[in-house]
Amino acid sequence: MIDELFRRVMISVPQLLLMSFITFLFIDLAPGDILANYRFDPRISDETVREIEERFHFDKPIIIQYGHWLRRAVQLDFGYSFSRHANVTSVISERLFNTLLLSFFSILFTWLIAIPLGIYAAVKQYSIGDRILSFISYFGMSLPGFFLALLVMYLVYLGRDMPFLSAIPIGGMVSSGYENLSFVGKLIDRAAHMIIPVTVLTFGALAGLQRISRGNMLEELRKQYVVTARAKGLSEHRVVYRHALRNAVNPLITLFGYQFSSLLSGAALIEIIVNWPGLGSLMLAAVRAQDVFLVMGSMMIGGVMLIIGNMIADILLLVADPRVRR
């Protein structure tokens, strides 16, 4: 198991290098100049601009610029953010926690809800409950995330006179006067602000995962070993939850790694709509400003999240399926 994980880490290193170089190349090929604001600012002399170019190697070919960036990145120094006027590492660390907070609760609620609903829909195939879940799933998959976010915000706004809905903030991460709240009050305030973005992200991922888990479960229930188990007189509960579910859940575990990393990009639009200060909105702003070092730092975080997600999925797969350990 340790050898397998070590092999995966070694494979991920060239993948990260390739991803970072392609990103660096595309940012360089994009029209515009990150130092344009400096060049057109009459308060900044041409000598100062040239000093900045030499300091960050913007006057060198792209491959040399990338080499200098990679040498610093190995030491966890991702450079300077020209749009934020701060170190990239400190800028990303401030936003990373906020995005991981949304991703953690979204994944948690998605899996806690989608898997049981998928099993129920497969066991009760073509029942009224299965048809209702299918309708909700197709409805959820057809709705764009930004439209769902706007719809939820509008519904919460309409219900502002209701006791529960009036306590849900429509945007932002904290309320005014947050610093004066007690520790418990701060936790409640943060949790209240997370309701809308977590609900939107969960609903968007829930629909697809529920359909996939239903399909996997149906495929397992039709296999010969399930028919044999039922013919031997095993209880339906044991056939479904002890035999079929163990095999049906393996493809879902593989999806976990991709879902973990995709939340970074999927949350970007939601973060912008609900004004949540996360890593996705930061990356989008960095791309628009051509802040090359901030974009590179954010992309590396996304790549690392993909690797971590896949490693967690591999570990869960090794635990869930004894055949993989052989």
C-alpha atoms as a PDB file:
ATOM      1  CA  MET A   1       0.000   0.000   0.000  1.00  0.00           C
ATOM      2  CA  ILE A   2       2.819   2.397   0.897  1.00  0.00           C
ATOM      3  CA  ASP A   3       4.677   1.431  -2.302  1.00  0.00           C
ATOM      4  CA  GLU A   4       1.572   2.140  -4.359  1.00  0.00           C
ATOM      5  CA  LEU A   5       1.076   5.564  -2.755  1.00  0.00           C
ATOM      6  CA  PHE A   6       4.764   6.376  -3.250  1.00  0.00           C
ATOM      7  CA  ARG A   7       4.445   5.425  -6.922  1.00  0.00           C
ATOM      8  CA  ARG A   8       1.441   7.706  -7.294  1.00  0.00           C
ATOM      9  CA  VAL A   9       3.364  10.617  -5.755  1.00  0.00           C
ATOM     10  CA  MET A  10       6.287  10.041  -8.132  1.00  0.00           C
ATOM     11  CA  ILE A  11       3.917   9.987 -11.123  1.00  0.00           C
ATOM     12  CA  SER A  12       2.264  13.218  -9.991  1.00  0.00           C
ATOM     13  CA  VAL A  13       5.549  15.185  -9.964  1.00  0.00           C
ATOM     14  CA  PRO A  14       6.012  15.327 -13.787  1.00  0.00           C
ATOM     15  CA  GLN A  15       2.287  15.959 -14.143  1.00  0.00           C
ATOM     16  CA  LEU A  16       2.567  19.003 -11.896  1.00  0.00           C
ATOM     17  CA  LEU A  17       5.629  20.238 -13.784  1.00  0.00           C
ATOM     18  CA  LEU A  18       3.864  19.900 -17.139  1.00  0.00           C
ATOM     19  CA  MET A  19       0.735  21.624 -15.846  1.00  0.00           C
ATOM     20  CA  SER A  20       2.724  24.503 -14.355  1.00  0.00           C
ATOM     21  CA  PHE A  21       4.781  25.027 -17.535  1.00  0.00           C
ATOM     22  CA  ILE A  22       1.726  25.026 -19.813  1.00  0.00           C
ATOM     23  CA  THR A  23      -0.004  27.512 -17.496  1.00  0.00           C
ATOM     24  CA  PHE A  24       3.087  29.722 -17.418  1.00  0.00           C
ATOM     25  CA  LEU A  25       3.299  29.589 -21.226  1.00  0.00           C
ATOM     26  CA  PHE A  26      -0.351  30.475 -21.790  1.00  0.00           C
ATOM     27  CA  ILE A  27      -0.180  33.423 -19.394  1.00  0.00           C
ATOM     28  CA  ASP A  28       2.862  34.705 -21.262  1.00  0.00           C
ATOM     29  CA  LEU A  29       1.132  34.302 -24.644  1.00  0.00           C
ATOM     30  CA  ALA A  30      -1.969  36.183 -23.506  1.00  0.00           C
ATOM     31  CA  PRO A  31      -2.177  39.781 -24.788  1.00  0.00           C
ATOM     32  CA  GLY A  32      -1.362  42.502 -22.267  1.00  0.00           C
ATOM     33  CA  ASP A  33       1.390  43.244 -19.786  1.00  0.00           C
ATOM     34  CA  ILE A  34       1.395  42.751 -16.046  1.00  0.00           C
ATOM     35  CA  LEU A  35       3.574  45.871 -15.673  1.00  0.00           C
ATOM     36  CA  ALA A  36       1.259  48.052 -17.783  1.00  0.00           C
ATOM     37  CA  ASN A  37       0.049  49.938 -14.714  1.00  0.00           C
ATOM     38  CA  TYR A  38       3.658  50.685 -13.791  1.00  0.00           C
ATOM     39  CA  ARG A  39       4.600  51.793 -17.317  1.00  0.00           C
ATOM     40  CA  PHE A  40       1.707  54.262 -17.632  1.00  0.00           C
ATOM     41  CA  ASP A  41       1.995  55.654 -14.107  1.00  0.00           C
ATOM     42  CA  PRO A  42       3.795  59.021 -14.366  1.00  0.00           C
ATOM     43  CA  ARG A  43       4.954  58.683 -10.754  1.00  0.00           C
ATOM     44  CA  ILE A  44       7.039  55.597 -11.637  1.00  0.00           C
ATOM     45  CA  SER A  45      10.196  56.163 -13.637  1.00  0.00           C
ATOM     46  CA  ASP A  46      11.415  53.963 -16.492  1.00  0.00           C
ATOM     47  CA  GLU A  47      14.410  52.965 -14.371  1.00  0.00           C
ATOM     48  CA  THR A  48      12.103  51.608 -11.690  1.00  0.00           C
ATOM     49  CA  VAL A  49      10.151  49.561 -14.261  1.00  0.00           C
ATOM     50  CA  ARG A  50      13.403  48.126 -15.642  1.00  0.00           C
ATOM     51  CA  GLU A  51      14.528  47.240 -12.128  1.00  0.00           C
ATOM     52  CA  ILE A  52      11.265  45.350 -11.582  1.00  0.00           C
ATOM     53  CA  GLU A  53      11.697  43.540 -14.910  1.00  0.00           C
ATOM     54  CA  GLU A  54      15.241  42.510 -14.015  1.00  0.00           C
ATOM     55  CA  ARG A  55      14.287  41.532 -10.477  1.00  0.00           C
ATOM     56  CA  PHE A  56      11.490  39.195 -11.616  1.00  0.00           C
ATOM     57  CA  HIS A  57      13.270  38.214 -14.886  1.00  0.00           C
ATOM     58  CA  PHE A  58      10.493  39.536 -17.147  1.00  0.00           C
ATOM     59  CA  ASP A  59      13.193  40.650 -19.582  1.00  0.00           C
ATOM     60  CA  LYS A  60      14.383  37.037 -20.040  1.00  0.00           C
ATOM     61  CA  PRO A  61      12.975  34.316 -22.370  1.00  0.00           C
ATOM     62  CA  ILE A  62       9.961  32.401 -21.094  1.00  0.00           C
ATOM     63  CA  ILE A  63      11.871  29.219 -20.284  1.00  0.00           C
ATOM     64  CA  ILE A  64      14.310  31.149 -18.041  1.00  0.00           C
ATOM     65  CA  GLN A  65      11.414  32.950 -16.326  1.00  0.00           C
ATOM     66  CA  TYR A  66       9.799  29.581 -15.661  1.00  0.00           C
ATOM     67  CA  GLY A  67      13.063  28.148 -14.329  1.00  0.00           C
ATOM     68  CA  HIS A  68      13.433  30.998 -11.816  1.00  0.00           C
ATOM     69  CA  TRP A  69       9.794  30.639 -10.747  1.00  0.00           C
ATOM     70  CA  LEU A  70      10.168  26.846 -10.342  1.00  0.00           C
ATOM     71  CA  ARG A  71      13.320  27.251  -8.244  1.00  0.00           C
ATOM     72  CA  ARG A  72      11.473  29.543  -5.837  1.00  0.00           C
ATOM     73  CA  ALA A  73       8.315  27.399  -5.885  1.00  0.00           C
ATOM     74  CA  VAL A  74      10.293  24.365  -4.673  1.00  0.00           C
ATOM     75  CA  GLN A  75      11.127  26.465  -1.608  1.00  0.00           C
ATOM     76  CA  LEU A  76       7.371  27.315  -1.230  1.00  0.00           C
ATOM     77  CA  ASP A  77       8.006  30.878  -2.412  1.00  0.00           C
ATOM     78  CA  PHE A  78       5.462  31.506  -5.179  1.00  0.00           C
ATOM     79  CA  GLY A  79       6.593  35.089  -5.813  1.00  0.00           C
ATOM     80  CA  TYR A  80       4.946  38.492  -5.554  1.00  0.00           C
ATOM     81  CA  SER A  81       1.367  39.369  -6.422  1.00  0.00           C
ATOM     82  CA  PHE A  82       1.324  42.629  -8.399  1.00  0.00           C
ATOM     83  CA  SER A  83      -2.458  42.952  -8.167  1.00  0.00           C
ATOM     84  CA  ARG A  84      -2.601  42.357  -4.389  1.00  0.00           C
ATOM     85  CA  HIS A  85       0.763  43.953  -3.547  1.00  0.00           C
ATOM     86  CA  ALA A  86       1.644  41.108  -1.212  1.00  0.00           C
ATOM     87  CA  ASN A  87       3.445  37.764  -1.160  1.00  0.00           C
ATOM     88  CA  VAL A  88       1.529  35.121  -3.134  1.00  0.00           C
ATOM     89  CA  THR A  89       1.884  32.521  -0.380  1.00  0.00           C
ATOM     90  CA  SER A  90       0.236  34.785   2.200  1.00  0.00           C
ATOM     91  CA  VAL A  91      -2.543  35.823  -0.227  1.00  0.00           C
ATOM     92  CA  ILE A  92      -3.368  32.204  -1.092  1.00  0.00           C
ATOM     93  CA  SER A  93      -3.221  30.987   2.504  1.00  0.00           C
ATOM     94  CA  GLU A  94      -5.846  33.580   3.479  1.00  0.00           C
ATOM     95  CA  ARG A  95      -8.276  32.378   0.798  1.00  0.00           C
ATOM     96  CA  LEU A  96      -7.480  28.649   0.781  1.00  0.00           C
ATOM     97  CA  PHE A  97      -9.103  27.988   4.163  1.00  0.00           C
ATOM     98  CA  ASN A  98     -12.348  29.626   3.047  1.00  0.00           C
ATOM     99  CA  THR A  99     -12.550  27.466  -0.088  1.00  0.00           C
ATOM    100  CA  LEU A 100     -11.643  24.280   1.763  1.00  0.00           C
ATOM    101  CA  LEU A 101     -14.388  25.075   4.282  1.00  0.00           C
ATOM    102  CA  LEU A 102     -16.994  25.165   1.515  1.00  0.00           C
ATOM    103  CA  SER A 103     -15.515  22.105  -0.238  1.00  0.00           C
ATOM    104  CA  PHE A 104     -15.438  19.994   2.938  1.00  0.00           C
ATOM    105  CA  PHE A 105     -19.058  20.557   3.912  1.00  0.00           C
ATOM    106  CA  SER A 106     -20.263  20.320   0.309  1.00  0.00           C
ATOM    107  CA  ILE A 107     -18.562  16.935  -0.198  1.00  0.00           C
ATOM    108  CA  LEU A 108     -19.729  15.720   3.207  1.00  0.00           C
ATOM    109  CA  PHE A 109     -23.394  16.551   2.605  1.00  0.00           C
ATOM    110  CA  THR A 110     -23.270  15.357  -1.021  1.00  0.00           C
ATOM    111  CA  TRP A 111     -22.028  11.891  -0.119  1.00  0.00           C
ATOM    112  CA  LEU A 112     -24.185  11.548   2.990  1.00  0.00           C
ATOM    113  CA  ILE A 113     -27.305  12.286   0.926  1.00  0.00           C
ATOM    114  CA  ALA A 114     -26.501  10.963  -2.582  1.00  0.00           C
ATOM    115  CA  ILE A 115     -25.381   7.408  -1.729  1.00  0.00           C
ATOM    116  CA  PRO A 116     -28.456   6.452   0.395  1.00  0.00           C
ATOM    117  CA  LEU A 117     -30.787   8.035  -2.181  1.00  0.00           C
ATOM    118  CA  GLY A 118     -29.030   6.142  -5.005  1.00  0.00           C
ATOM    119  CA  ILE A 119     -29.368   2.844  -3.136  1.00  0.00           C
ATOM    120  CA  TYR A 120     -33.036   3.522  -2.400  1.00  0.00           C
ATOM    121  CA  ALA A 121     -33.752   4.423  -6.043  1.00  0.00           C
ATOM    122  CA  ALA A 122     -32.023   1.227  -7.264  1.00  0.00           C
ATOM    123  CA  VAL A 123     -33.734  -1.098  -4.771  1.00  0.00           C
ATOM    124  CA  LYS A 124     -37.124   0.554  -5.415  1.00  0.00           C
ATOM    125  CA  GLN A 125     -36.651   0.876  -9.183  1.00  0.00           C
ATOM    126  CA  TYR A 126     -39.597   2.460 -11.059  1.00  0.00           C
ATOM    127  CA  SER A 127     -41.416   3.199  -7.792  1.00  0.00           C
ATOM    128  CA  ILE A 128     -42.928   6.636  -7.111  1.00  0.00           C
ATOM    129  CA  GLY A 129     -39.940   7.498  -4.919  1.00  0.00           C
ATOM    130  CA  ASP A 130     -37.518   6.500  -7.699  1.00  0.00           C
ATOM    131  CA  ARG A 131     -39.380   8.628 -10.239  1.00  0.00           C
ATOM    132  CA  ILE A 132     -39.436  11.645  -7.901  1.00  0.00           C
ATOM    133  CA  LEU A 133     -35.701  11.306  -7.264  1.00  0.00           C
ATOM    134  CA  SER A 134     -35.058  10.958 -10.999  1.00  0.00           C
ATOM    135  CA  PHE A 135     -37.021  14.143 -11.669  1.00  0.00           C
ATOM    136  CA  ILE A 136     -35.111  16.037  -8.962  1.00  0.00           C
ATOM    137  CA  SER A 137     -31.774  14.694 -10.275  1.00  0.00           C
ATOM    138  CA  TYR A 138     -32.468  15.702 -13.875  1.00  0.00           C
ATOM    139  CA  PHE A 139     -33.711  19.080 -12.652  1.00  0.00           C
ATOM    140  CA  GLY A 140     -30.552  19.573 -10.610  1.00  0.00           C
ATOM    141  CA  MET A 141     -28.226  18.526 -13.446  1.00  0.00           C
ATOM    142  CA  SER A 142     -29.956  20.837 -15.930  1.00  0.00           C
ATOM    143  CA  LEU A 143     -29.666  23.925 -13.726  1.00  0.00           C
ATOM    144  CA  PRO A 144     -26.445  25.964 -14.095  1.00  0.00           C
ATOM    145  CA  GLY A 145     -24.741  26.633 -10.776  1.00  0.00           C
ATOM    146  CA  PHE A 146     -24.897  30.415 -11.095  1.00  0.00           C
ATOM    147  CA  PHE A 147     -28.650  30.320 -11.863  1.00  0.00           C
ATOM    148  CA  LEU A 148     -29.297  28.033  -8.888  1.00  0.00           C
ATOM    149  CA  ALA A 149     -27.323  30.399  -6.640  1.00  0.00           C
ATOM    150  CA  LEU A 150     -29.326  33.392  -7.823  1.00  0.00           C
ATOM    151  CA  LEU A 151     -32.582  31.431  -7.419  1.00  0.00           C
ATOM    152  CA  VAL A 152     -31.741  30.392  -3.838  1.00  0.00           C
ATOM    153  CA  MET A 153     -30.700  33.936  -2.940  1.00  0.00           C
ATOM    154  CA  TYR A 154     -33.967  35.279  -4.391  1.00  0.00           C
ATOM    155  CA  LEU A 155     -36.063  32.725  -2.464  1.00  0.00           C
ATOM    156  CA  VAL A 156     -34.243  33.570   0.775  1.00  0.00           C
ATOM    157  CA  TYR A 157     -34.861  37.249   0.080  1.00  0.00           C
ATOM    158  CA  LEU A 158     -38.591  36.596  -0.484  1.00  0.00           C
ATOM    159  CA  GLY A 159     -38.786  34.698   2.802  1.00  0.00           C
ATOM    160  CA  ARG A 160     -36.981  37.354   4.848  1.00  0.00           C
ATOM    161  CA  ASP A 161     -40.103  37.735   7.039  1.00  0.00           C
ATOM    162  CA  MET A 162     -40.066  34.033   7.979  1.00  0.00           C
ATOM    163  CA  PRO A 163     -38.304  33.026  11.219  1.00  0.00           C
ATOM    164  CA  PHE A 164     -35.695  30.626   9.743  1.00  0.00           C
ATOM    165  CA  LEU A 165     -35.079  32.276   6.369  1.00  0.00           C
ATOM    166  CA  SER A 166     -34.645  35.704   7.955  1.00  0.00           C
ATOM    167  CA  ALA A 167     -31.579  34.360   9.820  1.00  0.00           C
ATOM    168  CA  ILE A 168     -29.813  33.337   6.565  1.00  0.00           C
ATOM    169  CA  PRO A 169     -27.483  36.056   5.200  1.00  0.00           C
ATOM    170  CA  ILE A 170     -27.718  36.487   1.422  1.00  0.00           C
ATOM    171  CA  GLY A 171     -24.047  37.247   0.797  1.00  0.00           C
ATOM    172  CA  GLY A 172     -20.618  37.650   2.329  1.00  0.00           C
ATOM    173  CA  MET A 173     -18.753  35.499   4.823  1.00  0.00           C
ATOM    174  CA  VAL A 174     -19.329  37.409   8.074  1.00  0.00           C
ATOM    175  CA  SER A 175     -21.792  39.993   9.354  1.00  0.00           C
ATOM    176  CA  SER A 176     -21.006  43.542  10.337  1.00  0.00           C
ATOM    177  CA  GLY A 177     -19.853  43.657  13.958  1.00  0.00           C
ATOM    178  CA  TYR A 178     -18.369  40.151  13.636  1.00  0.00           C
ATOM    179  CA  GLU A 179     -15.324  41.138  15.714  1.00  0.00           C
ATOM    180  CA  ASN A 180     -17.531  41.979  18.704  1.00  0.00           C
ATOM    181  CA  LEU A 181     -19.239  38.559  18.770  1.00  0.00           C
ATOM    182  CA  SER A 182     -18.321  35.797  21.208  1.00  0.00           C
ATOM    183  CA  PHE A 183     -16.542  32.649  19.987  1.00  0.00           C
ATOM    184  CA  VAL A 184     -19.820  30.735  19.717  1.00  0.00           C
ATOM    185  CA  GLY A 185     -21.456  33.730  18.084  1.00  0.00           C
ATOM    186  CA  LYS A 186     -18.695  33.855  15.449  1.00  0.00           C
ATOM    187  CA  LEU A 187     -19.166  30.163  14.678  1.00  0.00           C
ATOM    188  CA  ILE A 188     -22.920  30.611  14.282  1.00  0.00           C
ATOM    189  CA  ASP A 189     -22.429  33.670  12.100  1.00  0.00           C
ATOM    190  CA  ARG A 190     -19.992  31.839   9.795  1.00  0.00           C
ATOM    191  CA  ALA A 191     -22.273  28.800   9.616  1.00  0.00           C
ATOM    192  CA  ALA A 192     -25.239  31.008   8.675  1.00  0.00           C
ATOM    193  CA  HIS A 193     -23.261  32.603   5.837  1.00  0.00           C
ATOM    194  CA  MET A 194     -22.281  29.150   4.542  1.00  0.00           C
ATOM    195  CA  ILE A 195     -25.869  27.913   4.127  1.00  0.00           C
ATOM    196  CA  ILE A 196     -26.458  29.339   0.629  1.00  0.00           C
ATOM    197  CA  PRO A 197     -23.088  28.457  -1.017  1.00  0.00           C
ATOM    198  CA  VAL A 198     -22.975  24.973   0.550  1.00  0.00           C
ATOM    199  CA  THR A 199     -26.593  24.320  -0.463  1.00  0.00           C
ATOM    200  CA  VAL A 200     -25.902  25.334  -4.076  1.00  0.00           C
ATOM    201  CA  LEU A 201     -22.670  23.331  -4.353  1.00  0.00           C
ATOM    202  CA  THR A 202     -24.232  20.280  -2.678  1.00  0.00           C
ATOM    203  CA  PHE A 203     -27.353  20.304  -4.868  1.00  0.00           C
ATOM    204  CA  GLY A 204     -25.281  20.635  -8.032  1.00  0.00           C
ATOM    205  CA  ALA A 205     -23.034  17.674  -7.161  1.00  0.00           C
ATOM    206  CA  LEU A 206     -25.808  15.650  -5.517  1.00  0.00           C
ATOM    207  CA  ALA A 207     -27.855  15.175  -8.682  1.00  0.00           C
ATOM    208  CA  GLY A 208     -25.064  13.539 -10.703  1.00  0.00           C
ATOM    209  CA  LEU A 209     -23.689  11.410  -7.866  1.00  0.00           C
ATOM    210  CA  GLN A 210     -27.160  10.089  -7.016  1.00  0.00           C
ATOM    211  CA  ARG A 211     -27.722   8.974 -10.617  1.00  0.00           C
ATOM    212  CA  ILE A 212     -24.284   7.315 -10.787  1.00  0.00           C
ATOM    213  CA  SER A 213     -24.778   5.463  -7.499  1.00  0.00           C
ATOM    214  CA  ARG A 214     -28.226   4.310  -8.676  1.00  0.00           C
ATOM    215  CA  GLY A 215     -26.783   3.002 -11.943  1.00  0.00           C
ATOM    216  CA  ASN A 216     -23.908   1.179 -10.233  1.00  0.00           C
ATOM    217  CA  MET A 217     -26.240  -0.376  -7.711  1.00  0.00           C
ATOM    218  CA  LEU A 218     -28.671  -1.560 -10.407  1.00  0.00           C
ATOM    219  CA  GLU A 219     -25.805  -3.131 -12.349  1.00  0.00           C
ATOM    220  CA  GLU A 220     -24.642  -5.063  -9.276  1.00  0.00           C
ATOM    221  CA  LEU A 221     -28.167  -6.187  -8.342  1.00  0.00           C
ATOM    222  CA  ARG A 222     -28.544  -7.804 -11.790  1.00  0.00           C
ATOM    223  CA  LYS A 223     -25.339  -9.857 -11.540  1.00  0.00           C
ATOM    224  CA  GLN A 224     -25.299 -13.614 -11.049  1.00  0.00           C
ATOM    225  CA  TYR A 225     -23.790 -13.581  -7.544  1.00  0.00           C
ATOM    226  CA  VAL A 226     -26.735 -11.526  -6.276  1.00  0.00           C
ATOM    227  CA  VAL A 227     -29.197 -13.971  -7.847  1.00  0.00           C
ATOM    228  CA  THR A 228     -27.290 -16.842  -6.238  1.00  0.00           C
ATOM    229  CA  ALA A 229     -27.272 -15.131  -2.843  1.00  0.00           C
ATOM    230  CA  ARG A 230     -31.021 -14.599  -3.009  1.00  0.00           C
ATOM    231  CA  ALA A 231     -31.553 -18.230  -4.134  1.00  0.00           C
ATOM    232  CA  LYS A 232     -29.620 -19.382  -1.063  1.00  0.00           C
ATOM    233  CA  GLY A 233     -32.148 -17.602   1.130  1.00  0.00           C
ATOM    234  CA  LEU A 234     -30.031 -14.688   2.324  1.00  0.00           C
ATOM    235  CA  SER A 235     -32.022 -11.746   3.561  1.00  0.00           C
ATOM    236  CA  GLU A 236     -32.549  -8.829   1.155  1.00  0.00           C
ATOM    237  CA  HIS A 237     -30.815  -6.507   3.620  1.00  0.00           C
ATOM    238  CA  ARG A 238     -27.693  -8.689   3.601  1.00  0.00           C
ATOM    239  CA  VAL A 239     -27.694  -9.095  -0.190  1.00  0.00           C
ATOM    240  CA  VAL A 240     -28.020  -5.358  -0.800  1.00  0.00           C
ATOM    241  CA  TYR A 241     -25.851  -3.823   1.914  1.00  0.00           C
ATOM    242  CA  ARG A 242     -23.217  -6.515   2.451  1.00  0.00           C
ATOM    243  CA  HIS A 243     -22.622  -7.848  -1.058  1.00  0.00           C
ATOM    244  CA  ALA A 244     -23.953  -5.532  -3.775  1.00  0.00           C
ATOM    245  CA  LEU A 245     -23.120  -2.227  -2.076  1.00  0.00           C
ATOM    246  CA  ARG A 246     -19.457  -3.144  -1.530  1.00  0.00           C
ATOM    247  CA  ASN A 247     -18.932  -3.610  -5.267  1.00  0.00           C
ATOM    248  CA  ALA A 248     -21.146  -0.695  -6.303  1.00  0.00           C
ATOM    249  CA  VAL A 249     -19.289   1.824  -4.176  1.00  0.00           C
ATOM    250  CA  ASN A 250     -15.856   1.255  -5.763  1.00  0.00           C
ATOM    251  CA  PRO A 251     -16.437   3.444  -8.882  1.00  0.00           C
ATOM    252  CA  LEU A 252     -17.870   6.155  -6.629  1.00  0.00           C
ATOM    253  CA  ILE A 253     -14.689   6.217  -4.536  1.00  0.00           C
ATOM    254  CA  THR A 254     -12.682   6.746  -7.720  1.00  0.00           C
ATOM    255  CA  LEU A 255     -14.865   9.745  -8.513  1.00  0.00           C
ATOM    256  CA  PHE A 256     -14.050  11.286  -5.144  1.00  0.00           C
ATOM    257  CA  GLY A 257     -10.594  12.453  -6.224  1.00  0.00           C
ATOM    258  CA  TYR A 258     -11.906  14.278  -9.252  1.00  0.00           C
ATOM    259  CA  GLN A 259     -14.801  15.766  -7.289  1.00  0.00           C
ATOM    260  CA  PHE A 260     -12.432  17.112  -4.622  1.00  0.00           C
ATOM    261  CA  SER A 261     -10.379  19.073  -7.160  1.00  0.00           C
ATOM    262  CA  SER A 262     -13.307  20.131  -9.345  1.00  0.00           C
ATOM    263  CA  LEU A 263     -14.879  21.906  -6.387  1.00  0.00           C
ATOM    264  CA  LEU A 264     -12.117  24.489  -6.656  1.00  0.00           C
ATOM    265  CA  SER A 265     -13.201  25.500 -10.150  1.00  0.00           C
ATOM    266  CA  GLY A 266     -16.880  24.830  -9.516  1.00  0.00           C
ATOM    267  CA  ALA A 267     -16.889  27.038  -6.440  1.00  0.00           C
ATOM    268  CA  ALA A 268     -15.310  29.994  -8.236  1.00  0.00           C
ATOM    269  CA  LEU A 269     -18.531  31.247  -9.822  1.00  0.00           C
ATOM    270  CA  ILE A 270     -20.566  30.614  -6.664  1.00  0.00           C
ATOM    271  CA  GLU A 271     -17.977  32.469  -4.583  1.00  0.00           C
ATOM    272  CA  ILE A 272     -18.288  35.496  -6.862  1.00  0.00           C
ATOM    273  CA  ILE A 273     -22.103  35.474  -6.792  1.00  0.00           C
ATOM    274  CA  VAL A 274     -22.422  35.149  -3.012  1.00  0.00           C
ATOM    275  CA  ASN A 275     -19.367  37.359  -2.381  1.00  0.00           C
ATOM    276  CA  TRP A 276     -17.468  34.573  -0.609  1.00  0.00           C
ATOM    277  CA  PRO A 277     -13.718  35.399  -0.343  1.00  0.00           C
ATOM    278  CA  GLY A 278     -12.362  32.060  -1.548  1.00  0.00           C
ATOM    279  CA  LEU A 279      -9.559  30.772  -3.747  1.00  0.00           C
ATOM    280  CA  GLY A 280     -11.724  30.402  -6.864  1.00  0.00           C
ATOM    281  CA  SER A 281     -12.705  34.063  -7.011  1.00  0.00           C
ATOM    282  CA  LEU A 282      -9.087  35.002  -6.251  1.00  0.00           C
ATOM    283  CA  MET A 283      -7.845  32.909  -9.194  1.00  0.00           C
ATOM    284  CA  LEU A 284     -10.360  34.469 -11.576  1.00  0.00           C
ATOM    285  CA  ALA A 285      -9.334  37.975 -10.515  1.00  0.00           C
ATOM    286  CA  ALA A 286      -5.663  37.013 -10.928  1.00  0.00           C
ATOM    287  CA  VAL A 287      -6.253  35.757 -14.485  1.00  0.00           C
ATOM    288  CA  ARG A 288      -8.057  38.972 -15.432  1.00  0.00           C
ATOM    289  CA  ALA A 289      -5.182  41.033 -13.994  1.00  0.00           C
ATOM    290  CA  GLN A 290      -2.566  38.765 -15.654  1.00  0.00           C
ATOM    291  CA  ASP A 291      -0.972  38.404 -12.238  1.00  0.00           C
ATOM    292  CA  VAL A 292       1.277  35.577 -13.379  1.00  0.00           C
ATOM    293  CA  PHE A 293       2.702  34.547 -10.011  1.00  0.00           C
ATOM    294  CA  LEU A 294      -0.699  34.550  -8.297  1.00  0.00           C
ATOM    295  CA  VAL A 295      -2.199  32.497 -11.143  1.00  0.00           C
ATOM    296  CA  MET A 296       0.673  30.025 -10.953  1.00  0.00           C
ATOM    297  CA  GLY A 297       0.332  29.694  -7.179  1.00  0.00           C
ATOM    298  CA  SER A 298      -3.437  29.121  -7.443  1.00  0.00           C
ATOM    299  CA  MET A 299      -2.982  26.556 -10.229  1.00  0.00           C
ATOM    300  CA  MET A 300      -0.424  24.658  -8.183  1.00  0.00           C
ATOM    301  CA  ILE A 301      -2.861  24.537  -5.265  1.00  0.00           C
ATOM    302  CA  GLY A 302      -5.489  23.120  -7.653  1.00  0.00           C
ATOM    303  CA  GLY A 303      -3.026  20.490  -8.897  1.00  0.00           C
ATOM    304  CA  VAL A 304      -2.056  19.523  -5.368  1.00  0.00           C
ATOM    305  CA  MET A 305      -5.755  19.234  -4.437  1.00  0.00           C
ATOM    306  CA  LEU A 306      -6.248  16.853  -7.388  1.00  0.00           C
ATOM    307  CA  ILE A 307      -3.320  14.700  -6.230  1.00  0.00           C
ATOM    308  CA  ILE A 308      -4.489  14.696  -2.607  1.00  0.00           C
ATOM    309  CA  GLY A 309      -8.030  13.821  -3.680  1.00  0.00           C
ATOM    310  CA  ASN A 310      -6.819  10.909  -5.800  1.00  0.00           C
ATOM    311  CA  MET A 311      -4.579   9.652  -2.997  1.00  0.00           C
ATOM    312  CA  ILE A 312      -7.482   9.759  -0.535  1.00  0.00           C
ATOM    313  CA  ALA A 313      -9.599   7.886  -3.105  1.00  0.00           C
ATOM    314  CA  ASP A 314      -6.840   5.268  -3.514  1.00  0.00           C
ATOM    315  CA  ILE A 315      -6.592   4.753   0.243  1.00  0.00           C
ATOM    316  CA  LEU A 316     -10.365   4.422   0.577  1.00  0.00           C
ATOM    317  CA  LEU A 317     -10.393   1.961  -2.339  1.00  0.00           C
ATOM    318  CA  LEU A 318      -7.701  -0.143  -0.676  1.00  0.00           C
ATOM    319  CA  VAL A 319      -9.703  -0.205   2.534  1.00  0.00           C
ATOM    320  CA  ALA A 320     -13.061  -0.937   0.866  1.00  0.00           C
ATOM    321  CA  ASP A 321     -11.970  -3.605  -1.635  1.00  0.00           C
ATOM    322  CA  PRO A 322      -9.614  -6.423  -0.546  1.00  0.00           C
ATOM    323  CA  ARG A 323      -8.994  -7.355  -4.196  1.00  0.00           C
ATOM    324  CA  VAL A 324      -7.109  -4.089  -4.759  1.00  0.00           C
ATOM    325  CA  ARG A 325      -4.651  -4.915  -1.967  1.00  0.00           C
ATOM    326  CA  ARG A 326      -3.471  -8.071  -3.721  1.00  0.00           C
END
